[in-house]
Structure formats: structure tokens, C-alpha cells
């Protein structure tokens, strides 16, 4: 069973999990607006949280909005640090080229995932250890084998 973390919150609509075992709790819009094709807007949720030290919240898109309407989050995942106390806002983008998207107050627009975080200790060195991948960048692992190609 997953650990429960108490998160202090002020909210018009408290985030909630749609199903037992879900990783993301739904965030709802605190405002009504229309996103024109290709338009982005920062949308308030009316939610402010106080995460315990050692935790982070990530704001991520809802898969149904992305698949059905082309609605995504510009800076996904949005990172909420433990020390932040302001309202969680979501910068939505309508990637649809022809259809506007209507958002009403209370519509579920994103999800928030709360996770433990490990702080790294960065150690300057002259040279990094060798690895199999090395310095190969984007696309260096290639594409899956394709039949007939």
C-alpha cells in the first residue's frame, strides 16, 4: 500500500483521485475561458498547497483532454516545490488546428502528482566515467526494427 502524505491545502475544489490507485489527482479550472486553435492560456485552479519538505508535486496533462481535444500543458510537467505557497496555475495549449476548446469553472484540466524527491549532491570532476551510450544525443538509440525495411 502506498504511503499517505498529508498536504495542507486551500482550494475552491480540492483535487481528487478518480479511481483507487490513481497516481494523479484531478485539478479543476477556477475560471471559464475559450482556447482558440493554437492558443495558450494560464488557467487558475484556486488551489494552493504546502508540501512537506522532501516532496514535490508535478502538474501534468490529462490524457483524455490530450487524446480527444489536443489540450496539453506547455511546461509539462510543471514542478511545484515544497516551499511554494501560491496558487497552482496551469498553462494550457490547444494544439487543435481548427477547433476551439471551451473550459468551464469546475472542469478537470490537469492532474497533480505528489512524490518524494531526492536531492542530489553534485560533485565536480575532470572526466565522467565511461558508459555504453557515451555522448550520443537525441535519437542515438535508433528506431525499432521495421519489417520490410
N, C-alpha and C. Protein backbone atom coordinates (compact mmCIF):
# COMPACT_ATOMS: atom_id res chain seq x y z
N UNK A 1 0.84 -1.18 0.00
CA UNK A 1 0.00 0.00 0.00
C UNK A 1 0.88 1.25 0.00
N UNK A 2 0.48 2.23 -0.76
CA UNK A 2 1.24 3.47 -0.89
C UNK A 2 1.18 4.29 0.40
N UNK A 3 2.27 5.01 0.64
CA UNK A 3 2.34 5.89 1.80
C UNK A 3 1.39 7.07 1.59
N UNK A 4 0.74 7.51 2.66
CA UNK A 4 -0.12 8.69 2.60
C UNK A 4 0.67 9.88 3.09
N UNK A 5 0.60 10.98 2.34
CA UNK A 5 1.28 12.21 2.69
C UNK A 5 0.21 13.27 2.94
N UNK A 6 0.30 13.92 4.09
CA UNK A 6 -0.65 15.00 4.38
C UNK A 6 -0.15 16.28 3.73
N UNK A 7 -1.02 16.89 2.93
CA UNK A 7 -0.70 18.12 2.23
C UNK A 7 -1.72 19.17 2.65
N UNK A 8 -1.25 20.24 3.29
CA UNK A 8 -2.13 21.33 3.65
C UNK A 8 -2.58 22.03 2.37
N UNK A 9 -3.86 22.43 2.33
CA UNK A 9 -4.41 22.95 1.09
C UNK A 9 -5.48 24.00 1.35
N UNK A 10 -5.50 25.02 0.52
CA UNK A 10 -6.65 25.92 0.42
C UNK A 10 -7.13 25.76 -1.01
N UNK A 11 -8.44 25.56 -1.20
CA UNK A 11 -8.92 25.28 -2.55
C UNK A 11 -10.40 25.53 -2.68
N UNK A 12 -10.80 26.00 -3.86
CA UNK A 12 -12.22 26.07 -4.20
C UNK A 12 -12.73 24.66 -4.46
N UNK A 13 -11.95 23.88 -5.19
CA UNK A 13 -12.25 22.48 -5.46
C UNK A 13 -11.01 21.67 -5.08
N UNK A 14 -11.12 20.85 -4.06
CA UNK A 14 -9.99 20.04 -3.61
C UNK A 14 -9.68 18.98 -4.67
N UNK A 15 -8.40 18.84 -5.08
CA UNK A 15 -8.05 17.79 -6.04
C UNK A 15 -8.50 16.43 -5.52
N UNK A 16 -8.94 15.58 -6.44
CA UNK A 16 -9.39 14.25 -6.03
C UNK A 16 -8.94 13.21 -7.05
N UNK A 17 -8.79 11.98 -6.56
CA UNK A 17 -8.42 10.86 -7.40
C UNK A 17 -9.70 10.24 -7.96
N UNK A 18 -9.71 9.99 -9.26
CA UNK A 18 -10.91 9.42 -9.89
C UNK A 18 -11.11 7.96 -9.55
N UNK A 19 -10.00 7.23 -9.39
CA UNK A 19 -10.08 5.79 -9.13
C UNK A 19 -9.06 5.40 -8.06
N UNK A 20 -9.35 4.37 -7.27
CA UNK A 20 -8.36 3.89 -6.30
C UNK A 20 -7.07 3.52 -7.01
N UNK A 21 -5.96 3.91 -6.45
CA UNK A 21 -4.66 3.59 -7.03
C UNK A 21 -4.16 4.58 -8.07
N UNK A 22 -4.97 5.59 -8.45
CA UNK A 22 -4.51 6.58 -9.42
C UNK A 22 -3.32 7.35 -8.86
N UNK A 23 -2.38 7.69 -9.73
CA UNK A 23 -1.21 8.48 -9.33
C UNK A 23 -1.52 9.97 -9.32
N UNK A 24 -2.38 10.41 -10.24
CA UNK A 24 -2.69 11.83 -10.37
C UNK A 24 -4.06 12.17 -9.83
N UNK A 25 -4.13 13.27 -9.07
CA UNK A 25 -5.41 13.79 -8.60
C UNK A 25 -5.81 14.93 -9.52
N UNK A 26 -7.08 14.97 -9.91
CA UNK A 26 -7.54 15.96 -10.87
C UNK A 26 -7.57 17.37 -10.28
N UNK A 27 -7.08 18.32 -11.09
CA UNK A 27 -7.18 19.75 -10.78
C UNK A 27 -8.26 20.33 -11.67
N UNK A 28 -9.10 21.19 -11.10
CA UNK A 28 -10.20 21.80 -11.84
C UNK A 28 -9.94 23.27 -12.10
N UNK A 29 -10.55 23.76 -13.16
CA UNK A 29 -10.42 25.16 -13.52
C UNK A 29 -11.24 26.03 -12.57
N UNK A 30 -10.66 27.15 -12.16
CA UNK A 30 -11.38 28.12 -11.33
C UNK A 30 -11.94 29.25 -12.18
N UNK A 31 -11.80 29.14 -13.49
CA UNK A 31 -12.27 30.19 -14.38
C UNK A 31 -12.79 29.59 -15.69
N UNK A 32 -13.65 30.35 -16.35
CA UNK A 32 -14.19 29.93 -17.64
C UNK A 32 -13.45 30.68 -18.75
N UNK A 33 -13.13 29.97 -19.82
CA UNK A 33 -12.48 30.61 -20.96
C UNK A 33 -12.57 29.71 -22.17
N UNK A 34 -12.25 30.28 -23.32
CA UNK A 34 -12.19 29.53 -24.57
C UNK A 34 -10.77 29.61 -25.09
N UNK A 35 -10.20 28.45 -25.41
CA UNK A 35 -8.88 28.38 -26.04
C UNK A 35 -9.09 28.23 -27.54
N UNK A 36 -8.70 29.25 -28.29
CA UNK A 36 -8.79 29.18 -29.74
C UNK A 36 -7.76 28.19 -30.27
N UNK A 37 -7.91 27.73 -31.50
CA UNK A 37 -6.90 26.84 -32.07
C UNK A 37 -5.51 27.46 -31.97
N UNK A 38 -4.56 26.68 -31.44
CA UNK A 38 -3.18 27.15 -31.29
C UNK A 38 -2.94 28.09 -30.14
N UNK A 39 -3.97 28.47 -29.40
CA UNK A 39 -3.83 29.44 -28.30
C UNK A 39 -3.42 28.74 -27.01
N UNK A 40 -2.67 29.48 -26.19
CA UNK A 40 -2.33 29.01 -24.84
C UNK A 40 -2.84 30.05 -23.85
N UNK A 41 -3.10 29.57 -22.63
CA UNK A 41 -3.56 30.46 -21.56
C UNK A 41 -3.18 29.84 -20.23
N UNK A 42 -2.84 30.70 -19.28
CA UNK A 42 -2.56 30.24 -17.93
C UNK A 42 -3.86 30.29 -17.15
N UNK A 43 -4.26 29.14 -16.64
CA UNK A 43 -5.58 28.96 -16.03
C UNK A 43 -5.43 28.69 -14.54
N UNK A 44 -6.12 29.47 -13.72
CA UNK A 44 -6.09 29.26 -12.28
C UNK A 44 -6.90 28.05 -11.86
N UNK A 45 -6.46 27.42 -10.77
CA UNK A 45 -7.19 26.27 -10.23
C UNK A 45 -7.83 26.58 -8.88
N UNK A 46 -7.45 27.71 -8.27
CA UNK A 46 -7.95 28.02 -6.94
C UNK A 46 -7.32 27.17 -5.86
N UNK A 47 -6.25 26.44 -6.19
CA UNK A 47 -5.61 25.52 -5.26
C UNK A 47 -4.23 26.06 -4.87
N UNK A 48 -3.98 26.12 -3.58
CA UNK A 48 -2.64 26.40 -3.04
C UNK A 48 -2.33 25.29 -2.05
N UNK A 49 -1.07 24.81 -2.08
CA UNK A 49 -0.70 23.70 -1.21
C UNK A 49 0.58 24.01 -0.44
N UNK A 50 0.76 23.30 0.65
CA UNK A 50 2.00 23.34 1.42
C UNK A 50 2.51 21.91 1.51
N UNK A 51 3.42 21.56 0.61
CA UNK A 51 4.01 20.22 0.62
C UNK A 51 4.99 20.10 1.77
N UNK A 52 5.09 18.93 2.37
CA UNK A 52 6.14 18.73 3.37
C UNK A 52 7.51 18.74 2.69
N UNK A 53 8.54 19.13 3.43
CA UNK A 53 9.90 19.06 2.89
C UNK A 53 10.17 17.63 2.46
N UNK A 54 10.91 17.49 1.36
CA UNK A 54 11.21 16.16 0.84
C UNK A 54 10.20 15.67 -0.18
N UNK A 55 9.23 16.54 -0.55
CA UNK A 55 8.21 16.16 -1.54
C UNK A 55 8.14 17.22 -2.62
N UNK A 56 7.65 16.81 -3.78
CA UNK A 56 7.43 17.70 -4.92
C UNK A 56 6.09 17.32 -5.53
N UNK A 57 5.45 18.28 -6.16
CA UNK A 57 4.23 17.99 -6.92
C UNK A 57 4.51 18.30 -8.38
N UNK A 58 4.04 17.43 -9.25
CA UNK A 58 4.15 17.64 -10.69
C UNK A 58 2.75 17.83 -11.26
N UNK A 59 2.56 18.89 -12.03
CA UNK A 59 1.29 19.14 -12.71
C UNK A 59 1.45 18.63 -14.14
N UNK A 60 0.58 17.70 -14.53
CA UNK A 60 0.70 17.03 -15.81
C UNK A 60 -0.65 17.05 -16.56
N UNK A 61 -0.60 16.83 -17.88
CA UNK A 61 -1.85 16.84 -18.67
C UNK A 61 -2.77 15.67 -18.30
N UNK A 62 -4.03 15.85 -18.63
CA UNK A 62 -4.99 14.74 -18.55
C UNK A 62 -5.00 14.06 -19.91
N UNK A 63 -4.82 12.76 -19.92
CA UNK A 63 -4.68 12.04 -21.18
C UNK A 63 -5.93 12.15 -22.07
N UNK A 64 -7.10 12.16 -21.47
CA UNK A 64 -8.33 12.27 -22.26
C UNK A 64 -8.44 13.60 -22.98
N UNK A 65 -8.05 14.69 -22.32
CA UNK A 65 -8.08 16.01 -22.98
C UNK A 65 -7.08 16.05 -24.13
N UNK A 66 -5.93 15.44 -23.92
CA UNK A 66 -4.91 15.42 -24.97
C UNK A 66 -5.37 14.59 -26.17
N UNK A 67 -5.86 13.39 -25.91
CA UNK A 67 -6.24 12.47 -27.00
C UNK A 67 -7.49 12.94 -27.74
N UNK A 68 -8.48 13.44 -27.02
CA UNK A 68 -9.77 13.78 -27.64
C UNK A 68 -9.81 15.21 -28.18
N UNK A 69 -9.05 16.14 -27.56
CA UNK A 69 -9.19 17.55 -27.92
C UNK A 69 -7.87 18.25 -28.22
N UNK A 70 -6.75 17.58 -28.05
CA UNK A 70 -5.46 18.21 -28.31
C UNK A 70 -5.04 19.23 -27.27
N UNK A 71 -5.57 19.10 -26.05
CA UNK A 71 -5.24 20.04 -24.98
C UNK A 71 -4.08 19.46 -24.17
N UNK A 72 -3.01 20.24 -24.06
CA UNK A 72 -1.84 19.80 -23.32
C UNK A 72 -1.35 20.93 -22.44
N UNK A 73 -0.27 20.67 -21.70
CA UNK A 73 0.33 21.67 -20.82
C UNK A 73 1.68 22.04 -21.40
N UNK A 74 1.91 23.34 -21.57
CA UNK A 74 3.12 23.83 -22.22
C UNK A 74 4.37 23.40 -21.47
N UNK A 75 4.42 23.57 -20.17
CA UNK A 75 5.63 23.28 -19.39
C UNK A 75 5.49 21.98 -18.59
N UNK A 76 5.00 20.94 -19.25
CA UNK A 76 4.75 19.70 -18.53
C UNK A 76 6.02 18.89 -18.37
N UNK A 77 6.29 18.34 -17.19
CA UNK A 77 5.48 18.57 -16.01
C UNK A 77 5.83 19.91 -15.35
N UNK A 78 4.81 20.56 -14.84
CA UNK A 78 5.04 21.76 -14.04
C UNK A 78 5.50 21.32 -12.66
N UNK A 79 6.59 21.88 -12.18
CA UNK A 79 7.17 21.47 -10.90
C UNK A 79 6.74 22.41 -9.80
N UNK A 80 6.17 21.85 -8.72
CA UNK A 80 5.78 22.63 -7.55
C UNK A 80 6.69 22.21 -6.40
N UNK A 81 7.57 23.11 -5.99
CA UNK A 81 8.50 22.82 -4.90
C UNK A 81 7.81 22.94 -3.55
N UNK A 82 8.40 22.30 -2.54
CA UNK A 82 7.81 22.29 -1.19
C UNK A 82 7.66 23.69 -0.60
N UNK A 83 8.50 24.63 -0.98
CA UNK A 83 8.42 25.97 -0.41
C UNK A 83 7.43 26.90 -1.09
N UNK A 84 6.83 26.49 -2.21
CA UNK A 84 5.91 27.35 -2.95
C UNK A 84 4.53 27.37 -2.28
N UNK A 85 3.94 28.53 -2.13
CA UNK A 85 2.64 28.64 -1.47
C UNK A 85 1.58 29.32 -2.31
N UNK A 86 1.91 29.70 -3.54
CA UNK A 86 0.94 30.38 -4.40
C UNK A 86 -0.04 29.42 -5.03
N UNK A 87 -0.97 30.00 -5.78
CA UNK A 87 -1.98 29.22 -6.48
C UNK A 87 -1.33 28.37 -7.57
N UNK A 88 -1.78 27.13 -7.70
CA UNK A 88 -1.34 26.27 -8.81
C UNK A 88 -2.08 26.72 -10.06
N UNK A 89 -1.31 27.17 -11.04
CA UNK A 89 -1.88 27.58 -12.31
C UNK A 89 -1.34 26.67 -13.39
N UNK A 90 -2.13 26.48 -14.43
CA UNK A 90 -1.80 25.53 -15.48
C UNK A 90 -1.78 26.26 -16.82
N UNK A 91 -0.65 26.20 -17.53
CA UNK A 91 -0.57 26.83 -18.84
C UNK A 91 -0.98 25.81 -19.89
N UNK A 92 -2.24 25.93 -20.30
CA UNK A 92 -2.82 25.00 -21.27
C UNK A 92 -2.55 25.49 -22.70
N UNK A 93 -2.46 24.54 -23.62
CA UNK A 93 -2.26 24.83 -25.04
C UNK A 93 -3.25 23.99 -25.84
N UNK A 94 -3.97 24.65 -26.74
CA UNK A 94 -4.87 23.95 -27.65
C UNK A 94 -4.11 23.66 -28.93
N UNK A 95 -3.69 22.41 -29.11
CA UNK A 95 -2.91 22.04 -30.29
C UNK A 95 -3.79 21.75 -31.51
N UNK A 96 -5.11 21.74 -31.33
CA UNK A 96 -6.00 21.51 -32.46
C UNK A 96 -5.88 22.68 -33.43
N UNK A 97 -5.82 22.40 -34.71
CA UNK A 97 -5.63 23.45 -35.71
C UNK A 97 -6.92 24.13 -36.15
N UNK A 98 -8.09 23.55 -35.79
CA UNK A 98 -9.33 24.15 -36.28
C UNK A 98 -10.41 24.34 -35.21
N UNK A 99 -10.38 23.58 -34.12
CA UNK A 99 -11.46 23.64 -33.14
C UNK A 99 -11.07 24.39 -31.88
N UNK A 100 -11.88 25.37 -31.46
CA UNK A 100 -11.67 25.99 -30.15
C UNK A 100 -12.07 25.01 -29.05
N UNK A 101 -11.59 25.24 -27.83
CA UNK A 101 -11.93 24.37 -26.70
C UNK A 101 -12.47 25.22 -25.56
N UNK A 102 -13.67 24.89 -25.12
CA UNK A 102 -14.34 25.62 -24.04
C UNK A 102 -13.98 25.01 -22.69
N UNK A 103 -13.64 25.86 -21.74
CA UNK A 103 -13.36 25.43 -20.37
C UNK A 103 -14.33 26.14 -19.46
N UNK A 104 -15.06 25.38 -18.65
CA UNK A 104 -16.00 25.94 -17.67
C UNK A 104 -15.41 25.84 -16.28
N UNK A 105 -15.88 26.66 -15.38
CA UNK A 105 -15.45 26.56 -13.99
C UNK A 105 -15.80 25.15 -13.50
N UNK A 106 -14.84 24.50 -12.88
CA UNK A 106 -15.04 23.14 -12.36
C UNK A 106 -14.60 22.04 -13.29
N UNK A 107 -14.30 22.37 -14.57
CA UNK A 107 -13.81 21.33 -15.49
C UNK A 107 -12.44 20.83 -15.04
N UNK A 108 -12.23 19.54 -15.15
CA UNK A 108 -10.92 18.95 -14.82
C UNK A 108 -9.96 19.27 -15.96
N UNK A 109 -8.86 19.98 -15.64
CA UNK A 109 -7.96 20.46 -16.69
C UNK A 109 -6.54 19.87 -16.61
N UNK A 110 -6.19 19.27 -15.49
CA UNK A 110 -4.84 18.75 -15.30
C UNK A 110 -4.87 17.77 -14.14
N UNK A 111 -3.71 17.16 -13.87
CA UNK A 111 -3.56 16.29 -12.71
C UNK A 111 -2.34 16.74 -11.92
N UNK A 112 -2.38 16.50 -10.63
CA UNK A 112 -1.23 16.78 -9.78
C UNK A 112 -0.77 15.46 -9.16
N UNK A 113 0.54 15.22 -9.26
CA UNK A 113 1.15 14.01 -8.72
C UNK A 113 2.13 14.43 -7.63
N UNK A 114 1.96 13.91 -6.42
CA UNK A 114 2.84 14.23 -5.30
C UNK A 114 3.80 13.07 -5.11
N UNK A 115 5.11 13.40 -5.05
CA UNK A 115 6.13 12.35 -4.95
C UNK A 115 7.24 12.76 -4.00
N UNK A 116 7.89 11.77 -3.40
CA UNK A 116 9.11 12.10 -2.64
C UNK A 116 10.21 12.52 -3.62
N UNK A 117 11.10 13.35 -3.16
CA UNK A 117 12.18 13.82 -4.02
C UNK A 117 13.51 13.63 -3.30
N UNK A 118 14.51 13.22 -4.07
CA UNK A 118 15.86 13.07 -3.54
C UNK A 118 16.68 14.24 -4.02
N UNK A 119 17.39 14.88 -3.13
CA UNK A 119 18.27 15.97 -3.53
C UNK A 119 19.63 15.38 -3.86
N UNK A 120 20.15 15.78 -5.02
CA UNK A 120 21.46 15.30 -5.47
C UNK A 120 22.57 16.15 -4.85
N UNK A 121 23.71 15.54 -4.72
CA UNK A 121 24.92 16.28 -4.34
C UNK A 121 25.80 16.25 -5.58
N UNK A 122 25.99 17.41 -6.20
CA UNK A 122 26.74 17.50 -7.45
C UNK A 122 28.23 17.59 -7.12
N UNK A 123 29.02 16.71 -7.74
CA UNK A 123 30.45 16.60 -7.45
C UNK A 123 31.23 16.93 -8.72
N UNK A 124 31.88 18.08 -8.77
CA UNK A 124 32.68 18.42 -9.96
C UNK A 124 33.84 17.44 -10.12
N UNK A 125 34.03 16.96 -11.37
CA UNK A 125 35.14 16.07 -11.71
C UNK A 125 35.73 16.53 -13.04
N UNK A 126 36.93 16.07 -13.33
CA UNK A 126 37.58 16.41 -14.60
C UNK A 126 37.01 15.59 -15.77
N UNK A 127 36.61 14.34 -15.46
CA UNK A 127 36.15 13.43 -16.51
C UNK A 127 35.07 12.53 -15.93
N UNK A 128 34.06 12.24 -16.74
CA UNK A 128 32.98 11.35 -16.31
C UNK A 128 33.35 9.90 -16.63
N UNK A 129 32.80 8.94 -15.87
CA UNK A 129 33.06 7.54 -16.17
C UNK A 129 32.48 7.16 -17.54
N UNK A 130 33.06 6.19 -18.18
CA UNK A 130 32.62 5.71 -19.49
C UNK A 130 31.30 4.94 -19.31
N UNK A 131 30.42 5.08 -20.31
CA UNK A 131 29.17 4.31 -20.32
C UNK A 131 28.96 3.75 -21.71
N UNK A 132 28.05 2.79 -21.84
CA UNK A 132 27.79 2.18 -23.15
C UNK A 132 27.27 3.21 -24.13
N UNK A 133 26.40 4.10 -23.71
CA UNK A 133 25.81 5.10 -24.59
C UNK A 133 26.78 6.24 -24.88
N UNK A 134 27.58 6.59 -23.92
CA UNK A 134 28.56 7.65 -24.12
C UNK A 134 27.94 9.01 -24.32
N UNK A 135 28.43 9.76 -25.30
CA UNK A 135 27.97 11.13 -25.54
C UNK A 135 26.94 11.23 -26.64
N UNK A 136 26.43 10.10 -27.13
CA UNK A 136 25.43 10.13 -28.19
C UNK A 136 24.17 10.80 -27.69
N UNK A 137 23.62 11.68 -28.51
CA UNK A 137 22.48 12.50 -28.09
C UNK A 137 21.15 12.01 -28.59
N UNK A 138 20.29 12.97 -28.93
CA UNK A 138 18.92 12.68 -29.35
C UNK A 138 18.89 11.66 -30.47
N UNK A 139 18.05 10.64 -30.30
CA UNK A 139 17.88 9.62 -31.33
C UNK A 139 19.00 8.60 -31.42
N UNK A 140 19.92 8.65 -30.48
CA UNK A 140 21.08 7.78 -30.59
C UNK A 140 20.77 6.30 -30.37
N UNK A 141 19.63 6.00 -29.77
CA UNK A 141 19.29 4.59 -29.58
C UNK A 141 18.54 4.03 -30.79
N UNK A 142 18.22 4.88 -31.77
CA UNK A 142 17.63 4.44 -33.04
C UNK A 142 16.17 4.10 -32.95
N UNK A 143 15.64 3.62 -34.06
CA UNK A 143 14.25 3.21 -34.15
C UNK A 143 14.16 1.70 -34.04
N UNK A 144 12.97 1.23 -33.66
CA UNK A 144 12.74 -0.23 -33.61
C UNK A 144 12.87 -0.78 -35.03
N UNK A 145 13.30 -2.02 -35.13
CA UNK A 145 13.42 -2.67 -36.45
C UNK A 145 12.06 -2.69 -37.11
N UNK A 146 12.03 -2.38 -38.39
CA UNK A 146 10.76 -2.36 -39.14
C UNK A 146 10.78 -3.48 -40.18
N UNK A 147 9.66 -4.19 -40.29
CA UNK A 147 9.56 -5.27 -41.26
C UNK A 147 9.64 -4.70 -42.67
N UNK A 148 10.36 -5.35 -43.53
CA UNK A 148 10.43 -4.96 -44.93
C UNK A 148 11.29 -3.75 -45.20
N UNK A 149 11.99 -3.23 -44.25
CA UNK A 149 12.81 -2.03 -44.47
C UNK A 149 14.27 -2.37 -44.37
